[in-house]
Amino acid sequence: MKTDFSIGRRALLGATAAGMVTSFLRKGAYAHEDRIPTLARPNIIYIIADDLGVHDLGCYGQTKIHTPNIDALAASGMRFDAAYGGAPVCSPSRCALMTGKDMGHATIRDNFALQGGRVGWRGHEQVRRMGLRPHEKTVASYLRQGGYATALVGKWHLDGYDREAVPTSHGFDEFHGWLTQTEATQGYFPTRWYDGTTLHAIADNENGHQAVYETDICTAQACEYIRHSRDRPFFLTVAYNAPHSPHVTPTQARYAGMPWGEYEKNYAAMIGFLDDGVGNILETLTATGLRDDTIIFFSSDHGPRSEPTAEQTEVAEFFNSHGNLRGYKRDLYEGGLRVPLLVSWPGHIPAGSISSVPAYHPDFLPTALTLSGNAGPSLHDVNGIDLTPALLHQNPMPERFLYWETYEPSFWQAARKGRWKAVRPVKTSNIALYDLETDPSESQDIAHHHPDIVSGFQQYFMTGRVSSPEYI
């Protein structure tokens, strides 16, 4: 008999993960006895998926993958239809999210440093990576200074190979997850897991066993944190690895009998586990009486397709993960940069609302500080803007430049301002210009029709960034 997704092995895995969380609790991982109660301010939860396409979700038009919990989150708040990651690959996009800096100013601008950084091993390949610099502030740093408890569960990816560049050195009171520098903590059935800077064994996954799924671990620990964090406003980041490749899932569940390829069934099931996790977090907030006092953000880090392989392309095309947008992960076209963005706060953000405001990861830091009532710190080195007016009042937002650069396969740049998107591709000084209002798929370069607009982007590409010793 096939296992049912919701009550069979799925529940067993959740129980196993919860048991591991309980063992952490006995070690004092969630002990907050020293906290001093403060005036009620909203909790903030940021849930971020990995390599999830905008159109992989029902609320953005997906018809083959079932995402009822994420769709319900969208229905309870605001859906952004022009949201972007900070970069087209993982580490720099997360750096933008955490530091509020765009790719012209961020410490981490690519997954791998061109020079400097720290040398380590990626499988059998020796590579350079850059981590956050010592004492570099994140949104967690500012919120903790303002009286918030802070925690991150899951993927950090901002450590490179630097043992000091860990979440607890950058504003997070607690960290439960995996690091780039520690291979045993990675994958969907990790054998080790961090509690702060201490490694714990996941015995049920040792010796090749696959008993405890990474998505379930993140969900269980996020829910446990919520249950033990009612005495002080908190900021919780839940950074799922799903649905990043490889497409690994304990069960294909409702998709097992579909007339699809194995890759497609696994991918859909991975998103099903992710959606289940969001549902469990929402249920925990409701059960603890915290739902109305909690702002939830849901997003991804960049566009879909983890690697440019036939398998990954097949999956993205089958599910139409990037819709009619051009490009995938690693591209500076819309398909590589656009992400889902949902924000829910019952009684404050209008339910079922849709925003066309261009927003991206650097905006989260100033927005979170305003929402927390902690907008006082000087943010002179932050490139994002406060989205609170759009979230709470539907007020118009000023046009501004959104900027990206990447180094895969080598340096190139892109920027958006209003309806206009400019891309300077690899190894050329020529700028392509697109009108996103009439051509969201970036199929028609109209640079020769608008020389003044191109000139403005040309100037911005030269002045809107600072050089980096690790990149160029």
Protein backbone atom coordinates (compact mmCIF):
# COMPACT_ATOMS: atom_id res chain seq x y z
CA MET A 1 0.00 0.00 0.00
CA LYS A 2 1.34 3.43 -0.92
CA THR A 3 2.05 5.83 1.89
CA ASP A 4 -0.30 8.79 2.18
CA PHE A 5 1.43 12.19 2.07
CA SER A 6 -0.35 13.76 5.00
CA ILE A 7 -0.61 11.03 7.61
CA GLY A 8 1.88 8.30 6.79
CA ARG A 9 5.61 8.63 6.43
CA ARG A 10 5.18 12.42 6.37
CA ALA A 11 3.89 12.39 9.94
CA LEU A 12 6.56 9.89 10.99
CA LEU A 13 9.29 12.13 9.62
CA GLY A 14 7.81 15.11 11.40
CA ALA A 15 7.76 13.20 14.67
CA THR A 16 11.39 12.17 14.21
CA ALA A 17 12.44 15.75 13.48
CA ALA A 18 10.46 16.96 16.48
CA GLY A 19 12.25 14.42 18.62
CA MET A 20 15.57 15.84 17.50
CA VAL A 21 14.35 19.34 18.36
CA THR A 22 13.34 18.12 21.81
CA SER A 23 16.86 16.83 22.37
CA PHE A 24 18.14 20.32 21.56
CA LEU A 25 15.68 21.78 24.04
CA ARG A 26 17.08 19.60 26.76
CA LYS A 27 20.45 21.16 25.98
CA GLY A 28 18.97 24.62 26.51
CA ALA A 29 18.87 25.70 22.89
CA TYR A 30 15.60 27.59 23.35
CA ALA A 31 15.98 28.77 26.93
CA HIS A 32 14.78 32.39 27.24
CA GLU A 33 14.45 32.67 31.01
CA ASP A 34 16.71 35.73 31.05
CA ARG A 35 14.50 37.72 28.73
CA ILE A 36 12.78 40.85 29.96
CA PRO A 37 9.24 41.33 28.65
CA THR A 38 8.86 44.37 26.40
CA LEU A 39 5.95 46.29 24.97
CA ALA A 40 4.01 44.31 22.39
CA ARG A 41 5.48 44.69 18.90
CA PRO A 42 4.86 42.42 15.93
CA ASN A 43 6.88 39.29 15.48
CA ILE A 44 8.53 39.01 12.07
CA ILE A 45 8.99 35.72 10.22
CA TYR A 46 10.79 35.51 6.90
CA ILE A 47 10.36 32.19 5.08
CA ILE A 48 12.68 31.79 2.11
CA ALA A 49 12.70 28.90 -0.36
CA ASP A 50 15.63 28.01 -2.60
CA ASP A 51 15.43 28.05 -6.42
CA LEU A 52 11.64 28.26 -6.30
CA GLY A 53 10.16 29.78 -9.45
CA VAL A 54 7.53 32.49 -9.23
CA HIS A 55 5.08 30.35 -11.16
CA ASP A 56 5.65 27.21 -9.08
CA LEU A 57 2.92 28.46 -6.71
CA GLY A 58 -0.83 28.31 -7.19
CA CYS A 59 -1.23 31.95 -6.17
CA TYR A 60 0.97 32.88 -9.15
CA GLY A 61 -0.88 30.63 -11.59
CA GLN A 62 0.60 27.15 -11.10
CA THR A 63 -1.95 24.43 -11.92
CA LYS A 64 0.02 21.18 -11.56
CA ILE A 65 1.59 21.62 -8.11
CA HIS A 66 -0.71 21.84 -5.08
CA THR A 67 0.31 24.69 -2.69
CA PRO A 68 -2.78 25.37 -0.56
CA ASN A 69 -0.97 26.74 2.50
CA ILE A 70 1.21 29.20 0.60
CA ASP A 71 -1.83 30.20 -1.44
CA ALA A 72 -3.75 30.81 1.80
CA LEU A 73 -0.90 33.02 3.00
CA ALA A 74 -1.20 35.03 -0.20
CA ALA A 75 -4.97 35.31 0.23
CA SER A 76 -4.52 36.67 3.76
CA GLY A 77 -2.16 39.45 2.71
CA MET A 78 -0.34 41.06 -0.19
CA ARG A 79 1.14 39.43 -3.28
CA PHE A 80 3.90 41.29 -5.09
CA ASP A 81 3.91 40.81 -8.85
CA ALA A 82 7.24 42.54 -9.50
CA ALA A 83 9.51 41.20 -6.75
CA TYR A 84 13.17 40.37 -7.25
CA GLY A 85 15.95 38.52 -5.49
CA GLY A 86 19.12 40.36 -4.65
CA ALA A 87 21.13 38.36 -7.19
CA PRO A 88 20.64 35.41 -9.56
CA VAL A 89 22.53 32.97 -7.29
CA CYS A 90 22.25 31.95 -3.64
CA SER A 91 24.94 33.56 -1.46
CA PRO A 92 24.81 37.11 -2.83
CA SER A 93 21.01 37.14 -2.91
CA ARG A 94 20.90 36.15 0.76
CA CYS A 95 23.58 38.72 1.53
CA ALA A 96 21.35 41.40 0.01
CA LEU A 97 18.40 40.15 2.05
CA MET A 98 20.29 40.18 5.33
CA THR A 99 22.37 43.35 4.90
CA GLY A 100 20.10 45.57 2.79
CA LYS A 101 22.93 46.12 0.29
CA ASP A 102 22.62 45.67 -3.45
CA MET A 103 25.20 43.92 -5.60
CA GLY A 104 27.09 47.14 -6.18
CA HIS A 105 27.86 47.39 -2.47
CA ALA A 106 27.45 43.93 -0.94
CA THR A 107 30.29 41.99 0.64
CA ILE A 108 29.25 38.80 -1.16
CA ARG A 109 28.54 39.30 -4.88
CA ASP A 110 28.78 35.75 -6.18
CA ASN A 111 28.82 32.21 -4.77
CA PHE A 112 32.56 32.09 -5.44
CA ALA A 113 35.17 34.83 -4.99
CA LEU A 114 37.47 35.65 -7.90
CA GLN A 115 40.29 36.34 -5.47
CA GLY A 116 40.76 36.77 -1.73
CA GLY A 117 38.10 35.28 0.48
CA ARG A 118 38.95 31.86 1.91
CA VAL A 119 39.91 28.70 0.10
CA GLY A 120 38.00 25.49 0.76
CA TRP A 121 36.69 22.38 -0.87
CA ARG A 122 33.48 21.92 -2.80
CA GLY A 123 33.47 18.17 -3.26
CA HIS A 124 36.79 17.50 -4.98
CA GLU A 125 37.14 21.05 -6.29
CA GLN A 126 39.12 23.73 -4.49
CA VAL A 127 37.30 27.07 -4.59
CA ARG A 128 37.29 30.50 -2.99
CA ARG A 129 34.27 31.83 -1.10
CA MET A 130 33.55 35.07 0.67
CA GLY A 131 31.70 35.28 3.99
CA LEU A 132 30.28 38.28 5.78
CA ARG A 133 33.02 40.49 7.21
CA PRO A 134 33.62 40.61 10.98
CA HIS A 135 31.04 42.79 12.77
CA GLU A 136 29.04 43.29 9.56
CA LYS A 137 25.47 44.10 10.56
CA THR A 138 22.41 42.25 9.35
CA VAL A 139 18.71 42.87 9.84
CA ALA A 140 18.98 40.55 12.85
CA SER A 141 21.68 42.79 14.35
CA TYR A 142 19.44 45.85 14.20
CA LEU A 143 16.35 44.02 15.46
CA ARG A 144 18.25 42.48 18.36
CA GLN A 145 19.52 45.93 19.33
CA GLY A 146 15.90 47.02 19.33
CA GLY A 147 14.85 44.31 21.79
CA TYR A 148 13.90 41.46 19.49
CA ALA A 149 14.88 37.84 20.01
CA THR A 150 16.41 36.53 16.79
CA ALA A 151 16.81 33.05 15.30
CA LEU A 152 17.64 31.43 11.99
CA VAL A 153 16.67 27.90 11.04
CA GLY A 154 18.06 26.16 7.96
CA LYS A 155 20.36 27.56 5.28
CA TRP A 156 22.78 30.42 6.08
CA HIS A 157 25.18 30.35 3.09
CA LEU A 158 26.94 33.54 4.18
CA ASP A 159 29.87 31.90 5.94
CA GLY A 160 31.99 30.85 2.97
CA TYR A 161 34.83 28.94 4.64
CA ASP A 162 35.17 31.41 7.51
CA ARG A 163 34.52 29.80 10.90
CA GLU A 164 33.69 33.20 12.36
CA ALA A 165 31.13 34.26 9.74
CA VAL A 166 28.27 32.33 11.30
CA PRO A 167 24.75 33.56 12.15
CA THR A 168 25.47 33.96 15.86
CA SER A 169 28.26 36.40 14.96
CA HIS A 170 25.87 38.48 12.86
CA GLY A 171 22.87 39.25 15.00
CA PHE A 172 21.17 35.91 15.55
CA ASP A 173 20.73 34.75 19.15
CA GLU A 174 20.10 31.26 17.89
CA PHE A 175 21.03 29.24 14.83
CA HIS A 176 19.83 25.76 13.98
CA GLY A 177 20.89 24.65 10.54
CA TRP A 178 23.71 24.04 8.11
CA LEU A 179 26.81 25.83 6.92
CA THR A 180 28.68 25.91 3.64
CA GLN A 181 31.92 25.02 5.41
CA THR A 182 30.57 21.78 6.93
CA GLU A 183 29.65 19.19 4.32
CA ALA A 184 28.00 16.76 6.75
CA THR A 185 25.31 19.34 7.53
CA GLN A 186 24.28 19.69 3.88
CA GLY A 187 21.82 17.76 1.73
CA TYR A 188 18.27 16.61 2.31
CA PHE A 189 19.27 13.88 4.77
CA PRO A 190 22.12 15.52 6.73
CA THR A 191 24.05 13.55 9.33
CA ARG A 192 25.03 16.64 11.34
CA TRP A 193 23.15 19.83 12.27
CA TYR A 194 24.30 22.98 13.99
CA ASP A 195 22.92 24.31 17.25
CA GLY A 196 24.71 27.64 17.40
CA THR A 197 28.32 26.68 16.73
CA THR A 198 27.95 23.18 18.14
CA LEU A 199 27.46 20.21 15.83
CA HIS A 200 24.94 17.53 16.75
CA ALA A 201 24.55 14.16 15.12
CA ILE A 202 21.37 13.11 13.34
CA ALA A 203 21.82 9.45 14.08
CA ASP A 204 18.83 8.31 12.03
CA ASN A 205 20.53 9.58 8.86
CA GLU A 206 23.92 7.99 9.48
CA ASN A 207 25.32 5.02 7.56
CA GLY A 208 23.36 5.90 4.45
CA HIS A 209 19.93 5.94 6.08
CA GLN A 210 17.40 8.53 4.98
CA ALA A 211 14.99 8.93 7.86
CA VAL A 212 14.87 12.64 8.70
CA TYR A 213 14.22 15.07 5.86
CA GLU A 214 15.82 18.51 5.91
CA THR A 215 12.55 20.29 5.13
CA ASP A 216 10.90 18.59 8.11
CA ILE A 217 13.80 19.46 10.39
CA CYS A 218 13.49 23.15 9.51
CA THR A 219 9.73 23.10 10.02
CA ALA A 220 9.89 21.32 13.37
CA GLN A 221 12.56 23.63 14.74
CA ALA A 222 10.79 26.75 13.49
CA CYS A 223 7.56 25.66 15.18
CA GLU A 224 9.38 24.80 18.37
CA TYR A 225 11.02 28.20 18.41
CA ILE A 226 7.64 29.90 18.00
CA ARG A 227 6.15 27.91 20.88
CA HIS A 228 8.99 28.96 23.20
CA SER A 229 9.20 32.63 22.18
CA ARG A 230 6.07 34.26 23.53
CA ASP A 231 7.73 36.50 26.13
CA ARG A 232 9.47 38.87 23.71
CA PRO A 233 8.94 39.96 20.09
CA PHE A 234 11.01 37.78 17.79
CA PHE A 235 12.50 37.74 14.32
CA LEU A 236 12.70 34.26 12.83
CA THR A 237 14.20 33.36 9.46
CA VAL A 238 13.18 29.96 8.12
CA ALA A 239 15.52 29.18 5.22
CA TYR A 240 14.43 26.01 3.48
CA ASN A 241 16.75 24.25 1.03
CA ALA A 242 13.81 23.06 -1.08
CA PRO A 243 13.34 22.81 -3.99
CA HIS A 244 17.06 23.21 -4.84
CA SER A 245 18.59 20.27 -6.69
CA PRO A 246 19.06 17.36 -6.35
CA HIS A 247 15.38 16.49 -6.52
CA VAL A 248 15.20 14.28 -3.45
CA THR A 249 12.05 13.49 -1.51
CA PRO A 250 11.03 10.76 0.96
CA THR A 251 7.85 10.15 -1.02
CA GLN A 252 6.24 11.38 -4.21
CA ALA A 253 2.97 11.41 -2.30
CA ARG A 254 -0.01 12.68 -4.30
CA TYR A 255 2.15 12.90 -7.41
CA ALA A 256 3.30 9.27 -7.46
CA GLY A 257 0.55 8.20 -9.83
CA MET A 258 0.80 11.17 -12.17
CA PRO A 259 1.79 10.47 -15.81
CA TRP A 260 4.90 12.60 -15.41
CA GLY A 261 8.64 11.97 -15.41
CA GLU A 262 10.37 11.03 -12.16
CA TYR A 263 12.12 14.39 -11.98
CA GLU A 264 8.81 16.22 -12.22
CA LYS A 265 7.11 14.07 -9.59
CA ASN A 266 10.00 14.53 -7.18
CA TYR A 267 10.10 18.29 -7.72
CA ALA A 268 6.38 18.66 -7.11
CA ALA A 269 6.61 16.52 -3.97
CA MET A 270 9.49 18.66 -2.65
CA ILE A 271 7.33 21.75 -3.03
CA GLY A 272 4.55 19.81 -1.30
CA PHE A 273 6.79 19.30 1.74
CA LEU A 274 7.68 22.99 1.64
CA ASP A 275 4.00 23.96 1.50
CA ASP A 276 3.28 21.59 4.36
CA GLY A 277 5.97 23.32 6.38
CA VAL A 278 4.39 26.72 5.80
CA GLY A 279 1.06 25.25 6.89
CA ASN A 280 2.58 23.90 10.10
CA ILE A 281 4.12 27.28 10.89
CA LEU A 282 0.77 29.00 10.37
CA GLU A 283 -0.97 26.41 12.55
CA THR A 284 1.60 26.89 15.30
CA LEU A 285 1.13 30.66 15.24
CA THR A 286 -2.63 30.21 15.49
CA ALA A 287 -2.35 27.66 18.31
CA THR A 288 -0.08 29.95 20.32
CA GLY A 289 -2.31 32.97 19.76
CA LEU A 290 0.43 34.79 17.84
CA ARG A 291 -0.95 34.83 14.31
CA ASP A 292 -2.45 38.33 14.46
CA ASP A 293 0.73 39.65 16.09
CA THR A 294 3.06 38.24 13.44
CA ILE A 295 4.11 39.58 10.05
CA ILE A 296 5.05 36.77 7.65
CA PHE A 297 7.14 37.23 4.54
CA PHE A 298 7.46 34.39 2.03
CA SER A 299 9.88 34.49 -0.89
CA SER A 300 12.66 32.70 -2.74
CA ASP A 301 16.26 33.67 -3.42
CA HIS A 302 16.14 33.96 -7.24
CA GLY A 303 14.78 32.26 -10.34
CA PRO A 304 14.33 28.51 -10.92
CA ARG A 305 16.53 25.75 -12.38
CA SER A 306 19.41 24.93 -10.07
CA GLU A 307 21.82 23.98 -12.85
CA PRO A 308 21.65 24.39 -16.65
CA THR A 309 21.22 20.65 -17.23
CA ALA A 310 18.72 18.79 -19.36
CA GLU A 311 17.03 17.40 -16.22
CA GLN A 312 16.64 20.78 -14.54
CA THR A 313 15.49 22.48 -17.74
CA GLU A 314 12.93 19.74 -18.32
CA VAL A 315 11.41 20.30 -14.90
CA ALA A 316 11.31 24.10 -15.17
CA GLU A 317 9.72 23.94 -18.60
CA PHE A 318 7.21 21.27 -17.57
CA PHE A 319 5.91 23.39 -14.70
CA ASN A 320 6.43 26.69 -16.52
CA SER A 321 8.33 27.76 -13.41
CA HIS A 322 9.37 31.14 -14.82
CA GLY A 323 6.24 31.78 -16.86
CA ASN A 324 6.92 33.90 -19.93
CA LEU A 325 10.05 35.45 -18.43
CA ARG A 326 13.42 35.20 -20.12
CA GLY A 327 16.20 33.24 -18.46
CA TYR A 328 16.79 31.16 -15.35
CA LYS A 329 18.94 31.19 -12.25
CA ARG A 330 22.38 32.73 -13.04
CA ASP A 331 20.81 35.12 -15.57
CA LEU A 332 20.20 38.83 -15.07
CA TYR A 333 17.07 38.64 -17.16
CA GLU A 334 13.70 38.58 -15.42
CA GLY A 335 13.56 34.78 -15.25
CA GLY A 336 16.75 34.67 -13.20
CA LEU A 337 15.86 37.50 -10.83
CA ARG A 338 12.11 37.47 -10.27
CA VAL A 339 10.82 35.79 -7.10
CA PRO A 340 7.51 35.32 -5.34
CA LEU A 341 6.92 37.73 -2.47
CA LEU A 342 3.96 37.39 -0.12
CA VAL A 343 3.48 39.47 3.03
CA SER A 344 0.73 38.77 5.55
CA TRP A 345 -0.26 40.61 8.72
CA PRO A 346 -3.94 40.14 9.61
CA GLY A 347 -5.77 43.37 10.34
CA HIS A 348 -3.01 45.53 8.87
CA ILE A 349 -2.13 44.41 5.35
CA PRO A 350 -5.28 44.18 3.20
CA ALA A 351 -6.22 40.55 2.52
CA GLY A 352 -6.05 39.50 -1.10
CA SER A 353 -4.21 42.64 -2.17
CA ILE A 354 -1.78 42.75 -5.07
CA SER A 355 1.12 45.17 -5.49
CA SER A 356 2.94 45.99 -8.72
CA VAL A 357 5.65 47.92 -6.84
CA PRO A 358 9.11 46.73 -7.93
CA ALA A 359 10.61 45.36 -4.71
CA TYR A 360 13.74 43.36 -3.98
CA HIS A 361 15.71 41.73 -1.21
CA PRO A 362 17.62 44.83 -0.03
CA ASP A 363 14.25 46.39 0.86
CA PHE A 364 13.59 43.88 3.62
CA LEU A 365 15.98 45.37 6.20
CA PRO A 366 14.58 48.94 6.23
CA THR A 367 11.03 47.56 5.98
CA ALA A 368 11.53 45.23 8.93
CA LEU A 369 12.95 48.02 11.07
CA THR A 370 9.96 50.24 10.36
CA LEU A 371 7.48 47.46 11.03
CA SER A 372 9.23 46.71 14.32
CA GLY A 373 9.02 50.34 15.43
CA ASN A 374 12.80 50.42 15.38
CA ALA A 375 13.51 52.68 12.41
CA GLY A 376 15.91 54.90 14.34
CA PRO A 377 19.33 53.44 13.38
CA SER A 378 21.24 55.26 10.68
CA LEU A 379 21.13 53.19 7.50
CA HIS A 380 23.39 55.29 5.31
CA ASP A 381 25.03 52.21 3.77
CA VAL A 382 21.76 50.40 2.97
CA ASN A 383 20.46 50.45 -0.61
CA GLY A 384 16.95 49.14 -0.03
CA ILE A 385 13.91 51.27 0.73
CA ASP A 386 11.10 50.94 3.25
CA LEU A 387 8.11 49.19 1.65
CA THR A 388 5.79 49.89 4.58
CA PRO A 389 3.76 52.55 2.73
CA ALA A 390 2.94 50.03 0.00
CA LEU A 391 2.20 47.28 2.53
CA LEU A 392 -0.05 49.21 4.86
CA HIS A 393 -1.57 52.01 2.84
CA GLN A 394 -1.22 51.16 -0.85
CA ASN A 395 0.56 54.48 -1.26
CA PRO A 396 2.56 55.05 -4.46
CA MET A 397 6.28 54.41 -4.14
CA PRO A 398 8.99 56.56 -5.75
CA GLU A 399 10.77 55.27 -8.82
CA ARG A 400 14.35 54.25 -8.06
CA PHE A 401 17.11 52.12 -9.52
CA LEU A 402 17.24 48.43 -8.64
CA TYR A 403 20.71 47.07 -9.38
CA TRP A 404 22.25 43.65 -10.00
CA GLU A 405 25.56 42.25 -11.12
CA THR A 406 26.91 38.74 -11.37
CA TYR A 407 30.06 36.89 -12.42
CA GLU A 408 28.63 33.80 -14.09
CA PRO A 409 30.13 33.18 -16.57
CA SER A 410 31.87 36.55 -16.13
CA PHE A 411 30.94 40.07 -15.07
CA TRP A 412 27.70 41.59 -16.35
CA GLN A 413 25.14 44.08 -15.03
CA ALA A 414 21.44 44.88 -15.01
CA ALA A 415 19.22 47.55 -13.51
CA ARG A 416 15.57 48.51 -13.44
CA LYS A 417 13.93 51.89 -13.00
CA GLY A 418 10.19 52.14 -13.37
CA ARG A 419 9.11 50.39 -16.55
CA TRP A 420 12.64 50.25 -17.97
CA LYS A 421 15.09 47.37 -17.61
CA ALA A 422 18.68 47.66 -18.86
CA VAL A 423 21.08 44.74 -19.28
CA ARG A 424 24.74 44.97 -20.16
CA PRO A 425 25.61 41.37 -21.07
CA VAL A 426 28.93 39.59 -20.69
CA LYS A 427 31.93 41.00 -22.58
CA THR A 428 30.19 43.99 -24.13
CA SER A 429 29.80 47.68 -23.43
CA ASN A 430 26.50 47.75 -25.29
CA ILE A 431 23.35 48.12 -23.20
CA ALA A 432 20.12 46.38 -24.14
CA LEU A 433 16.94 48.18 -23.08
CA TYR A 434 13.54 46.61 -22.45
CA ASP A 435 10.13 48.06 -21.65
CA LEU A 436 8.77 45.68 -19.01
CA GLU A 437 5.26 47.08 -19.26
CA THR A 438 4.87 46.03 -22.88
CA ASP A 439 7.58 43.36 -23.07
CA PRO A 440 7.99 41.50 -19.74
CA SER A 441 9.75 38.64 -21.54
CA GLU A 442 12.55 41.00 -22.67
CA SER A 443 12.27 39.90 -26.27
CA GLN A 444 12.71 43.29 -27.97
CA ASP A 445 15.81 45.40 -27.40
CA ILE A 446 14.65 48.98 -27.98
CA ALA A 447 17.85 50.76 -26.94
CA HIS A 448 18.20 52.54 -30.31
CA HIS A 449 14.76 54.14 -29.80
CA HIS A 450 15.60 55.65 -26.41
CA PRO A 451 19.20 56.92 -26.35
CA ASP A 452 18.54 59.29 -23.42
CA ILE A 453 17.27 56.45 -21.21
CA VAL A 454 20.19 54.25 -22.23
CA SER A 455 22.58 57.07 -21.36
CA GLY A 456 21.05 57.32 -17.88
CA PHE A 457 21.57 53.61 -17.28
CA GLN A 458 25.10 53.83 -18.66
CA GLN A 459 25.92 56.50 -16.11
CA TYR A 460 24.31 54.49 -13.33
CA PHE A 461 26.28 51.36 -14.21
CA MET A 462 29.48 53.35 -13.75
CA THR A 463 28.53 55.21 -10.57
CA GLY A 464 25.99 52.97 -8.83
CA ARG A 465 28.53 50.50 -7.52
CA VAL A 466 31.83 50.41 -5.67
CA SER A 467 34.70 48.12 -6.57
CA SER A 468 35.29 44.98 -4.56
CA PRO A 469 38.70 43.40 -3.87
CA GLU A 470 37.16 39.91 -4.02
CA TYR A 471 35.42 40.35 -7.35
CA ILE A 472 36.55 43.26 -9.56
